[in-house]
N, C-alpha and C. Protein backbone atom coordinates (compact mmCIF):
# COMPACT_ATOMS: atom_id res chain seq x y z
N UNK A 1 89.68 196.71 71.95
CA UNK A 1 89.32 198.03 72.41
C UNK A 1 88.91 198.87 71.20
N UNK A 2 87.73 199.48 71.27
CA UNK A 2 87.26 200.25 70.12
C UNK A 2 88.04 201.55 69.98
N UNK A 3 88.24 201.96 68.77
CA UNK A 3 88.94 203.20 68.50
C UNK A 3 87.98 204.36 68.74
N UNK A 4 88.53 205.59 68.92
CA UNK A 4 87.65 206.74 69.14
C UNK A 4 86.73 206.98 67.95
N UNK A 5 87.20 206.71 66.75
CA UNK A 5 86.35 206.90 65.57
C UNK A 5 85.18 205.93 65.56
N UNK A 6 85.46 204.66 65.96
CA UNK A 6 84.39 203.66 66.00
C UNK A 6 83.39 204.00 67.09
N UNK A 7 83.89 204.50 68.24
CA UNK A 7 82.99 204.87 69.33
C UNK A 7 82.10 206.02 68.90
N UNK A 8 82.68 206.99 68.20
CA UNK A 8 81.88 208.13 67.73
C UNK A 8 80.88 207.68 66.69
N UNK A 9 81.30 206.73 65.82
CA UNK A 9 80.38 206.21 64.81
C UNK A 9 79.23 205.45 65.45
N UNK A 10 79.55 204.65 66.50
CA UNK A 10 78.49 203.91 67.18
C UNK A 10 77.57 204.84 67.93
N UNK A 11 78.11 205.92 68.52
CA UNK A 11 77.26 206.89 69.21
C UNK A 11 76.37 207.62 68.21
N UNK A 12 76.94 207.94 67.07
CA UNK A 12 76.13 208.60 66.03
C UNK A 12 75.03 207.70 65.52
N UNK A 13 75.36 206.40 65.39
CA UNK A 13 74.36 205.43 64.93
C UNK A 13 73.22 205.30 65.95
N UNK A 14 73.58 205.26 67.25
CA UNK A 14 72.54 205.13 68.28
C UNK A 14 71.68 206.39 68.35
N UNK A 15 72.29 207.56 68.13
CA UNK A 15 71.49 208.79 68.08
C UNK A 15 70.54 208.79 66.89
N UNK A 16 71.02 208.29 65.77
CA UNK A 16 70.15 208.23 64.58
C UNK A 16 69.00 207.26 64.79
N UNK A 17 69.28 206.12 65.42
CA UNK A 17 68.22 205.14 65.69
C UNK A 17 67.22 205.71 66.68
N UNK A 18 67.70 206.40 67.73
CA UNK A 18 66.77 206.97 68.70
C UNK A 18 65.96 208.11 68.07
N UNK A 19 66.56 208.85 67.15
CA UNK A 19 65.81 209.91 66.47
C UNK A 19 64.73 209.33 65.58
N UNK A 20 65.03 208.18 64.93
CA UNK A 20 64.02 207.53 64.10
C UNK A 20 62.92 206.92 64.96
N UNK A 21 63.29 206.44 66.13
CA UNK A 21 62.30 205.82 67.00
C UNK A 21 61.35 206.86 67.58
N UNK A 22 61.85 208.06 67.86
CA UNK A 22 60.99 209.11 68.39
C UNK A 22 60.08 209.62 67.29
N UNK A 23 58.86 209.97 67.68
CA UNK A 23 57.89 210.46 66.69
C UNK A 23 58.31 211.84 66.23
N UNK A 24 58.34 212.05 64.96
CA UNK A 24 58.70 213.34 64.40
C UNK A 24 58.05 213.54 63.06
N UNK A 25 58.42 214.61 62.42
CA UNK A 25 57.83 214.97 61.14
C UNK A 25 58.19 213.96 60.06
N UNK A 26 59.41 213.44 60.10
CA UNK A 26 59.86 212.54 59.05
C UNK A 26 59.58 211.07 59.35
N UNK A 27 58.93 210.79 60.47
CA UNK A 27 58.56 209.40 60.78
C UNK A 27 57.07 209.35 61.09
N UNK A 28 56.22 209.43 60.06
CA UNK A 28 54.78 209.46 60.31
C UNK A 28 54.26 208.10 60.77
N UNK A 29 53.20 208.16 61.55
CA UNK A 29 52.55 206.93 62.00
C UNK A 29 51.57 206.46 60.93
N UNK A 30 51.02 205.27 61.14
CA UNK A 30 50.05 204.74 60.19
C UNK A 30 48.80 205.60 60.12
N UNK A 31 48.38 206.14 61.26
CA UNK A 31 47.19 207.00 61.28
C UNK A 31 47.44 208.26 60.46
N UNK A 32 48.63 208.83 60.58
CA UNK A 32 48.95 210.04 59.81
C UNK A 32 49.00 209.76 58.32
N UNK A 33 49.50 208.60 57.94
CA UNK A 33 49.54 208.24 56.52
C UNK A 33 48.13 208.07 55.97
N UNK A 34 47.28 207.36 56.73
CA UNK A 34 45.89 207.19 56.30
C UNK A 34 45.19 208.54 56.25
N UNK A 35 45.47 209.42 57.21
CA UNK A 35 44.87 210.76 57.22
C UNK A 35 45.20 211.53 55.95
N UNK A 36 46.46 211.48 55.54
CA UNK A 36 46.87 212.19 54.32
C UNK A 36 46.23 211.56 53.09
N UNK A 37 46.18 210.23 53.03
CA UNK A 37 45.58 209.57 51.87
C UNK A 37 44.08 209.87 51.76
N UNK A 38 43.39 209.83 52.89
CA UNK A 38 41.95 210.16 52.87
C UNK A 38 41.76 211.64 52.52
N UNK A 39 42.65 212.48 53.01
CA UNK A 39 42.59 213.91 52.67
C UNK A 39 42.75 214.14 51.17
N UNK A 40 43.66 213.40 50.55
CA UNK A 40 43.83 213.52 49.09
C UNK A 40 42.59 213.03 48.35
N UNK A 41 41.96 211.96 48.85
CA UNK A 41 40.72 211.47 48.23
C UNK A 41 39.60 212.49 48.38
N UNK A 42 39.52 213.13 49.54
CA UNK A 42 38.51 214.19 49.75
C UNK A 42 38.77 215.36 48.81
N UNK A 43 40.02 215.74 48.66
CA UNK A 43 40.36 216.84 47.75
C UNK A 43 39.97 216.49 46.32
N UNK A 44 40.27 215.26 45.89
CA UNK A 44 39.89 214.85 44.54
C UNK A 44 38.39 214.84 44.34
N UNK A 45 37.64 214.33 45.34
CA UNK A 45 36.18 214.32 45.24
C UNK A 45 35.62 215.73 45.22
N UNK A 46 36.21 216.63 46.00
CA UNK A 46 35.75 218.02 46.00
C UNK A 46 36.00 218.69 44.65
N UNK A 47 37.16 218.41 44.06
CA UNK A 47 37.44 218.96 42.73
C UNK A 47 36.48 218.41 41.68
N UNK A 48 36.17 217.13 41.77
CA UNK A 48 35.20 216.55 40.83
C UNK A 48 33.80 217.11 41.07
N UNK A 49 33.49 217.45 42.31
CA UNK A 49 32.18 218.04 42.61
C UNK A 49 31.99 219.35 41.87
N UNK A 50 33.01 220.18 41.85
CA UNK A 50 32.84 221.51 41.25
C UNK A 50 33.20 221.54 39.77
N UNK A 51 33.79 220.48 39.23
CA UNK A 51 34.16 220.52 37.82
C UNK A 51 33.28 219.67 36.91
N UNK A 52 32.46 218.78 37.49
CA UNK A 52 31.62 217.95 36.63
C UNK A 52 30.48 218.78 36.05
N UNK A 53 30.02 218.40 34.88
CA UNK A 53 28.94 219.12 34.23
C UNK A 53 27.59 218.44 34.44
N UNK A 54 27.58 217.36 35.20
CA UNK A 54 26.33 216.67 35.50
C UNK A 54 25.98 216.91 36.96
N UNK A 55 24.82 217.50 37.20
CA UNK A 55 24.47 217.93 38.54
C UNK A 55 24.29 216.76 39.51
N UNK A 56 23.71 215.67 39.06
CA UNK A 56 23.54 214.53 39.94
C UNK A 56 24.90 213.92 40.30
N UNK A 57 25.80 213.87 39.34
CA UNK A 57 27.15 213.37 39.63
C UNK A 57 27.86 214.29 40.62
N UNK A 58 27.63 215.59 40.50
CA UNK A 58 28.23 216.54 41.45
C UNK A 58 27.73 216.25 42.87
N UNK A 59 26.43 215.97 43.01
CA UNK A 59 25.87 215.65 44.32
C UNK A 59 26.47 214.34 44.86
N UNK A 60 26.68 213.37 43.99
CA UNK A 60 27.26 212.10 44.45
C UNK A 60 28.73 212.25 44.82
N UNK A 61 29.48 213.08 44.09
CA UNK A 61 30.87 213.34 44.49
C UNK A 61 30.90 214.11 45.81
N UNK A 62 29.88 214.93 46.06
CA UNK A 62 29.78 215.62 47.34
C UNK A 62 29.60 214.61 48.47
N UNK A 63 28.85 213.54 48.22
CA UNK A 63 28.70 212.47 49.21
C UNK A 63 30.06 211.86 49.54
N UNK A 64 30.87 211.62 48.53
CA UNK A 64 32.21 211.04 48.75
C UNK A 64 33.07 212.00 49.57
N UNK A 65 33.03 213.29 49.22
CA UNK A 65 33.85 214.27 49.94
C UNK A 65 33.41 214.38 51.40
N UNK A 66 32.11 214.46 51.65
CA UNK A 66 31.63 214.59 53.03
C UNK A 66 31.87 213.30 53.82
N UNK A 67 31.75 212.14 53.16
CA UNK A 67 32.06 210.88 53.83
C UNK A 67 33.53 210.79 54.19
N UNK A 68 34.39 211.27 53.32
CA UNK A 68 35.83 211.30 53.62
C UNK A 68 36.14 212.19 54.80
N UNK A 69 35.42 213.31 54.92
CA UNK A 69 35.63 214.17 56.09
C UNK A 69 35.21 213.47 57.37
N UNK A 70 34.15 212.66 57.31
CA UNK A 70 33.75 211.89 58.49
C UNK A 70 34.86 210.91 58.89
N UNK A 71 35.52 210.31 57.90
CA UNK A 71 36.64 209.42 58.20
C UNK A 71 37.79 210.20 58.83
N UNK A 72 38.03 211.40 58.34
CA UNK A 72 39.09 212.23 58.92
C UNK A 72 38.79 212.54 60.39
N UNK A 73 37.53 212.85 60.71
CA UNK A 73 37.17 213.10 62.10
C UNK A 73 37.36 211.86 62.96
N UNK A 74 37.05 210.69 62.40
CA UNK A 74 37.29 209.46 63.16
C UNK A 74 38.77 209.26 63.43
N UNK A 75 39.60 209.58 62.44
CA UNK A 75 41.05 209.44 62.64
C UNK A 75 41.58 210.43 63.68
N UNK A 76 40.89 211.54 63.86
CA UNK A 76 41.29 212.53 64.87
C UNK A 76 40.65 212.24 66.22
N UNK A 77 40.02 211.08 66.37
CA UNK A 77 39.33 210.64 67.57
C UNK A 77 38.20 211.57 67.99
N UNK A 78 37.54 212.17 67.01
CA UNK A 78 36.36 213.00 67.27
C UNK A 78 35.14 212.23 66.76
N UNK A 79 34.78 211.19 67.49
CA UNK A 79 33.72 210.29 67.03
C UNK A 79 32.38 211.00 66.93
N UNK A 80 32.08 211.86 67.89
CA UNK A 80 30.79 212.57 67.87
C UNK A 80 30.67 213.44 66.63
N UNK A 81 31.73 214.17 66.32
CA UNK A 81 31.70 215.04 65.14
C UNK A 81 31.59 214.20 63.87
N UNK A 82 32.22 213.05 63.85
CA UNK A 82 32.14 212.16 62.68
C UNK A 82 30.71 211.69 62.46
N UNK A 83 30.03 211.30 63.53
CA UNK A 83 28.65 210.84 63.37
C UNK A 83 27.70 211.97 63.04
N UNK A 84 27.97 213.16 63.57
CA UNK A 84 27.17 214.32 63.18
C UNK A 84 27.38 214.61 61.69
N UNK A 85 28.60 214.49 61.23
CA UNK A 85 28.90 214.67 59.81
C UNK A 85 28.10 213.69 58.96
N UNK A 86 28.06 212.43 59.38
CA UNK A 86 27.33 211.41 58.62
C UNK A 86 25.83 211.68 58.67
N UNK A 87 25.30 211.92 59.85
CA UNK A 87 23.85 212.07 59.99
C UNK A 87 23.33 213.36 59.38
N UNK A 88 24.02 214.47 59.63
CA UNK A 88 23.48 215.75 59.17
C UNK A 88 23.88 216.02 57.73
N UNK A 89 25.16 215.95 57.42
CA UNK A 89 25.56 216.31 56.07
C UNK A 89 25.25 215.21 55.06
N UNK A 90 25.68 214.00 55.34
CA UNK A 90 25.41 212.92 54.39
C UNK A 90 23.93 212.55 54.38
N UNK A 91 23.30 212.55 55.55
CA UNK A 91 21.91 212.12 55.63
C UNK A 91 20.91 213.18 55.28
N UNK A 92 21.21 214.44 55.56
CA UNK A 92 20.21 215.48 55.37
C UNK A 92 20.54 216.44 54.24
N UNK A 93 21.73 217.01 54.27
CA UNK A 93 22.06 218.05 53.30
C UNK A 93 22.12 217.48 51.88
N UNK A 94 22.74 216.32 51.70
CA UNK A 94 22.83 215.75 50.36
C UNK A 94 21.45 215.32 49.87
N UNK A 95 20.62 214.78 50.78
CA UNK A 95 19.25 214.44 50.40
C UNK A 95 18.49 215.71 50.02
N UNK A 96 18.71 216.80 50.76
CA UNK A 96 18.07 218.07 50.42
C UNK A 96 18.53 218.57 49.05
N UNK A 97 19.81 218.44 48.75
CA UNK A 97 20.32 218.85 47.44
C UNK A 97 19.68 218.01 46.34
N UNK A 98 19.66 216.69 46.52
CA UNK A 98 19.05 215.82 45.51
C UNK A 98 17.55 216.09 45.38
N UNK A 99 16.88 216.34 46.49
CA UNK A 99 15.46 216.67 46.48
C UNK A 99 15.23 217.98 45.71
N UNK A 100 16.09 218.96 45.96
CA UNK A 100 15.99 220.22 45.22
C UNK A 100 16.24 220.04 43.74
N UNK A 101 17.19 219.18 43.37
CA UNK A 101 17.44 218.90 41.96
C UNK A 101 16.23 218.26 41.30
N UNK A 102 15.58 217.34 42.02
CA UNK A 102 14.40 216.69 41.45
C UNK A 102 13.22 217.65 41.35
N UNK A 103 13.05 218.52 42.37
CA UNK A 103 11.93 219.45 42.34
C UNK A 103 12.06 220.49 41.24
N UNK A 104 13.27 220.93 40.98
CA UNK A 104 13.47 221.94 39.94
C UNK A 104 13.61 221.33 38.56
N UNK A 105 13.47 220.02 38.46
CA UNK A 105 13.57 219.30 37.19
C UNK A 105 14.89 219.62 36.48
N UNK A 106 15.97 219.54 37.25
CA UNK A 106 17.30 219.77 36.69
C UNK A 106 17.61 218.65 35.71
N UNK A 107 18.38 218.93 34.67
CA UNK A 107 18.71 217.88 33.70
C UNK A 107 19.56 216.79 34.34
N UNK A 108 19.25 215.55 33.97
CA UNK A 108 19.97 214.41 34.53
C UNK A 108 21.34 214.25 33.87
N UNK A 109 21.43 214.45 32.57
CA UNK A 109 22.69 214.29 31.85
C UNK A 109 23.55 215.53 31.94
N UNK A 110 24.48 215.63 31.01
CA UNK A 110 25.36 216.80 30.97
C UNK A 110 24.55 218.04 30.67
N UNK A 111 24.79 219.09 31.42
CA UNK A 111 24.02 220.32 31.28
C UNK A 111 24.92 221.43 30.75
N UNK A 112 24.53 222.07 29.64
CA UNK A 112 25.35 223.18 29.15
C UNK A 112 25.29 224.39 30.07
N UNK A 113 24.24 224.46 30.91
CA UNK A 113 24.12 225.59 31.84
C UNK A 113 25.06 225.46 33.04
N UNK A 114 25.63 224.26 33.22
CA UNK A 114 26.49 224.03 34.38
C UNK A 114 27.87 224.62 34.20
N UNK A 115 28.17 225.20 33.07
CA UNK A 115 29.48 225.78 32.82
C UNK A 115 29.29 227.21 32.35
N UNK A 116 30.13 228.08 32.83
CA UNK A 116 30.07 229.47 32.40
C UNK A 116 31.44 229.91 31.93
N UNK A 117 31.51 231.11 31.40
CA UNK A 117 32.78 231.63 30.91
C UNK A 117 33.69 232.14 32.01
N UNK A 118 33.24 232.05 33.25
CA UNK A 118 34.02 232.58 34.37
C UNK A 118 34.88 231.52 35.05
N UNK A 119 35.19 230.47 34.35
CA UNK A 119 35.95 229.37 34.96
C UNK A 119 37.32 229.83 35.46
N UNK A 120 38.02 230.67 34.70
CA UNK A 120 39.36 231.10 35.11
C UNK A 120 39.30 232.09 36.27
N UNK A 121 38.28 232.93 36.27
CA UNK A 121 38.11 233.85 37.40
C UNK A 121 37.80 233.07 38.66
N UNK A 122 36.92 232.06 38.54
CA UNK A 122 36.59 231.22 39.70
C UNK A 122 37.81 230.46 40.19
N UNK A 123 38.64 229.99 39.28
CA UNK A 123 39.86 229.28 39.67
C UNK A 123 40.82 230.21 40.41
N UNK A 124 40.95 231.45 39.94
CA UNK A 124 41.83 232.41 40.61
C UNK A 124 41.31 232.76 42.01
N UNK A 125 39.99 232.94 42.14
CA UNK A 125 39.41 233.25 43.46
C UNK A 125 39.58 232.05 44.39
N UNK A 126 39.36 230.83 43.87
CA UNK A 126 39.52 229.63 44.69
C UNK A 126 40.97 229.46 45.14
N UNK A 127 41.93 229.71 44.25
CA UNK A 127 43.34 229.58 44.61
C UNK A 127 43.73 230.62 45.65
N UNK A 128 43.25 231.85 45.51
CA UNK A 128 43.56 232.89 46.49
C UNK A 128 42.94 232.56 47.84
N UNK A 129 41.71 232.07 47.84
CA UNK A 129 41.06 231.69 49.09
C UNK A 129 41.78 230.53 49.76
N UNK A 130 42.17 229.52 48.98
CA UNK A 130 42.88 228.37 49.53
C UNK A 130 44.23 228.79 50.10
N UNK A 131 44.94 229.65 49.38
CA UNK A 131 46.25 230.12 49.88
C UNK A 131 46.09 230.90 51.18
N UNK A 132 45.05 231.72 51.27
CA UNK A 132 44.80 232.49 52.49
C UNK A 132 44.47 231.57 53.65
N UNK A 133 43.59 230.60 53.42
CA UNK A 133 43.22 229.68 54.49
C UNK A 133 44.40 228.82 54.95
N UNK A 134 45.17 228.31 54.01
CA UNK A 134 46.33 227.50 54.38
C UNK A 134 47.34 228.33 55.17
N UNK A 135 47.57 229.56 54.74
CA UNK A 135 48.51 230.44 55.46
C UNK A 135 48.03 230.71 56.88
N UNK A 136 46.73 231.00 57.04
CA UNK A 136 46.20 231.27 58.37
C UNK A 136 46.25 230.04 59.27
N UNK A 137 45.91 228.88 58.74
CA UNK A 137 45.91 227.67 59.56
C UNK A 137 47.33 227.27 59.93
N UNK A 138 48.25 227.32 58.99
CA UNK A 138 49.64 226.95 59.28
C UNK A 138 50.24 227.93 60.28
N UNK A 139 49.95 229.21 60.13
CA UNK A 139 50.49 230.20 61.06
C UNK A 139 49.86 230.07 62.44
N UNK A 140 48.57 229.77 62.48
CA UNK A 140 47.89 229.66 63.77
C UNK A 140 48.23 228.40 64.54
N UNK A 141 48.51 227.30 63.82
CA UNK A 141 48.76 226.02 64.48
C UNK A 141 50.16 225.49 64.19
N UNK A 142 51.11 226.38 64.03
CA UNK A 142 52.47 225.99 63.65
C UNK A 142 53.11 225.03 64.65
N UNK A 143 52.94 225.28 65.92
CA UNK A 143 53.62 224.45 66.92
C UNK A 143 52.64 223.56 67.69
N UNK A 144 51.45 223.36 67.16
CA UNK A 144 50.46 222.53 67.84
C UNK A 144 50.50 221.11 67.31
N UNK A 145 50.55 220.15 68.23
CA UNK A 145 50.52 218.74 67.86
C UNK A 145 49.32 218.12 68.53
N UNK A 146 48.60 217.27 67.80
CA UNK A 146 47.45 216.58 68.36
C UNK A 146 47.92 215.21 68.83
N UNK A 147 47.74 214.95 70.10
CA UNK A 147 48.12 213.66 70.65
C UNK A 147 46.93 212.72 70.51
N UNK A 148 47.03 211.76 69.59
CA UNK A 148 45.93 210.86 69.31
C UNK A 148 45.77 209.77 70.36
N UNK A 149 46.73 209.66 71.27
CA UNK A 149 46.62 208.63 72.30
C UNK A 149 45.67 209.04 73.42
N UNK A 150 45.41 210.33 73.55
CA UNK A 150 44.46 210.79 74.57
C UNK A 150 43.17 211.19 73.87
N UNK A 151 42.06 210.90 74.51
CA UNK A 151 40.77 211.29 73.98
C UNK A 151 40.18 212.38 74.85
N UNK A 152 39.13 212.99 74.39
CA UNK A 152 38.47 214.03 75.17
C UNK A 152 38.30 215.30 74.37
N UNK A 153 39.19 215.59 73.43
CA UNK A 153 39.04 216.78 72.62
C UNK A 153 37.83 216.72 71.72
N UNK A 154 37.48 215.53 71.26
CA UNK A 154 36.32 215.38 70.40
C UNK A 154 35.16 214.72 71.10
N UNK A 155 35.15 214.80 72.44
CA UNK A 155 34.09 214.14 73.18
C UNK A 155 32.77 214.89 73.02
N UNK A 156 31.69 214.20 73.36
CA UNK A 156 30.36 214.78 73.23
C UNK A 156 30.19 215.98 74.14
N UNK A 157 30.68 215.90 75.35
CA UNK A 157 30.49 217.01 76.29
C UNK A 157 31.28 218.25 75.86
N UNK A 158 32.52 218.05 75.39
CA UNK A 158 33.32 219.20 74.95
C UNK A 158 32.72 219.85 73.71
N UNK A 159 32.27 219.02 72.76
CA UNK A 159 31.68 219.59 71.55
C UNK A 159 30.33 220.24 71.82
N UNK A 160 29.52 219.60 72.68
CA UNK A 160 28.22 220.18 73.01
C UNK A 160 28.36 221.52 73.72
N UNK A 161 29.31 221.60 74.63
CA UNK A 161 29.53 222.86 75.33
C UNK A 161 29.96 223.97 74.37
N UNK A 162 30.86 223.65 73.46
CA UNK A 162 31.31 224.65 72.49
C UNK A 162 30.20 225.03 71.53
N UNK A 163 29.45 224.03 71.06
CA UNK A 163 28.39 224.30 70.09
C UNK A 163 27.31 225.17 70.68
N UNK A 164 26.83 224.85 71.86
CA UNK A 164 25.70 225.57 72.42
C UNK A 164 26.10 226.82 73.20
N UNK A 165 27.38 227.02 73.40
CA UNK A 165 27.81 228.25 74.05
C UNK A 165 28.23 229.31 73.02
N UNK A 166 28.96 228.90 71.98
CA UNK A 166 29.53 229.88 71.06
C UNK A 166 28.94 229.84 69.66
N UNK A 167 28.38 228.71 69.23
CA UNK A 167 28.00 228.55 67.84
C UNK A 167 26.50 228.33 67.63
N UNK A 168 25.66 228.72 68.58
CA UNK A 168 24.21 228.51 68.44
C UNK A 168 23.65 229.35 67.31
N UNK A 169 24.00 230.62 67.24
CA UNK A 169 23.43 231.50 66.21
C UNK A 169 23.83 231.07 64.79
N UNK A 170 25.10 230.79 64.49
CA UNK A 170 25.41 230.29 63.13
C UNK A 170 24.74 228.96 62.82
N UNK A 171 24.61 228.09 63.81
CA UNK A 171 23.96 226.80 63.62
C UNK A 171 22.50 226.99 63.23
N UNK A 172 21.80 227.87 63.92
CA UNK A 172 20.39 228.13 63.61
C UNK A 172 20.25 228.90 62.29
N UNK A 173 21.18 229.80 62.01
CA UNK A 173 21.13 230.52 60.73
C UNK A 173 21.30 229.57 59.56
N UNK A 174 22.14 228.55 59.72
CA UNK A 174 22.32 227.55 58.67
C UNK A 174 21.04 226.75 58.46
N UNK A 175 20.35 226.42 59.53
CA UNK A 175 19.10 225.67 59.38
C UNK A 175 18.05 226.51 58.68
N UNK A 176 17.97 227.80 58.98
CA UNK A 176 17.03 228.69 58.28
C UNK A 176 17.41 228.82 56.81
N UNK A 177 18.70 228.89 56.51
CA UNK A 177 19.15 228.97 55.13
C UNK A 177 18.77 227.72 54.35
N UNK A 178 18.94 226.54 54.95
CA UNK A 178 18.55 225.29 54.28
C UNK A 178 17.04 225.23 54.08
N UNK A 179 16.27 225.70 55.04
CA UNK A 179 14.82 225.73 54.89
C UNK A 179 14.42 226.68 53.76
N UNK A 180 15.07 227.84 53.68
CA UNK A 180 14.78 228.78 52.60
C UNK A 180 15.14 228.19 51.24
N UNK A 181 16.21 227.42 51.15
CA UNK A 181 16.58 226.78 49.89
C UNK A 181 15.52 225.77 49.46
N UNK A 182 14.99 225.00 50.42
CA UNK A 182 13.95 224.03 50.10
C UNK A 182 12.66 224.72 49.67
N UNK A 183 12.28 225.79 50.36
CA UNK A 183 11.07 226.53 49.98
C UNK A 183 11.26 227.16 48.60
N UNK A 184 12.44 227.69 48.32
CA UNK A 184 12.72 228.26 47.00
C UNK A 184 12.62 227.22 45.90
N UNK A 185 13.09 226.00 46.17
CA UNK A 185 12.98 224.93 45.17
C UNK A 185 11.53 224.58 44.90
N UNK A 186 10.71 224.54 45.95
CA UNK A 186 9.28 224.25 45.77
C UNK A 186 8.62 225.36 44.97
N UNK A 187 8.92 226.61 45.28
CA UNK A 187 8.33 227.74 44.55
C UNK A 187 8.74 227.71 43.09
N UNK A 188 10.02 227.44 42.81
CA UNK A 188 10.47 227.38 41.42
C UNK A 188 9.80 226.24 40.66
N UNK A 189 9.65 225.11 41.29
CA UNK A 189 9.03 223.98 40.59
C UNK A 189 7.56 224.24 40.33
N UNK A 190 6.85 224.87 41.24
CA UNK A 190 5.43 225.20 41.02
C UNK A 190 5.27 226.25 39.93
N UNK A 191 6.17 227.22 39.92
CA UNK A 191 6.07 228.27 38.90
C UNK A 191 6.29 227.68 37.52
N UNK A 192 7.26 226.76 37.38
CA UNK A 192 7.53 226.15 36.08
C UNK A 192 6.39 225.25 35.65
N UNK A 193 5.77 224.52 36.60
CA UNK A 193 4.66 223.65 36.20
C UNK A 193 3.42 224.48 35.89
N UNK A 194 3.27 225.67 36.48
CA UNK A 194 2.13 226.55 36.16
C UNK A 194 2.27 227.20 34.81
N UNK A 195 3.51 227.39 34.32
CA UNK A 195 3.72 228.01 33.00
C UNK A 195 3.38 227.07 31.87
N UNK A 196 3.38 225.77 32.12
CA UNK A 196 3.14 224.79 31.05
C UNK A 196 1.71 224.61 30.78
């Protein structure tokens, strides 16, 4: 016959096992671990993008960062958003950036113009912005959990409805901004070739 202490110990052990078996903050799944690791890789690539002194290397680190975000969307079961990320950002925006670098005859190697004396001010502004964004996101989604076993949140119909109902104007404004950047690069390259 078990003693009361042994029964309490066995009950405590079964509660601990059931708590470990239930999904919680201290028992991450494989998807959550991969999500954090890819997020750290994206953060590292983003830091290298803004700290490198070679413009072409910065564009290539941007490819790594944007590709990592596409992987994050896939892990969140938002396949449509992941493919839009690959096609539009990796396929178009990075090509536009590289095209602009080539048109303006930017230096291929290390550029002394790529660094300014405002590095500490930029770091302080970046840290303040990151702290504000993290605070807002954590406060806004404190009790929200994403159930990865159900799909539909990242479906094409849900994203299309949101995009074309609420985000049409910013989407079109971004396309006009990218077009203006390309036209500006062409104008700058023609002006420099006319001066020679």
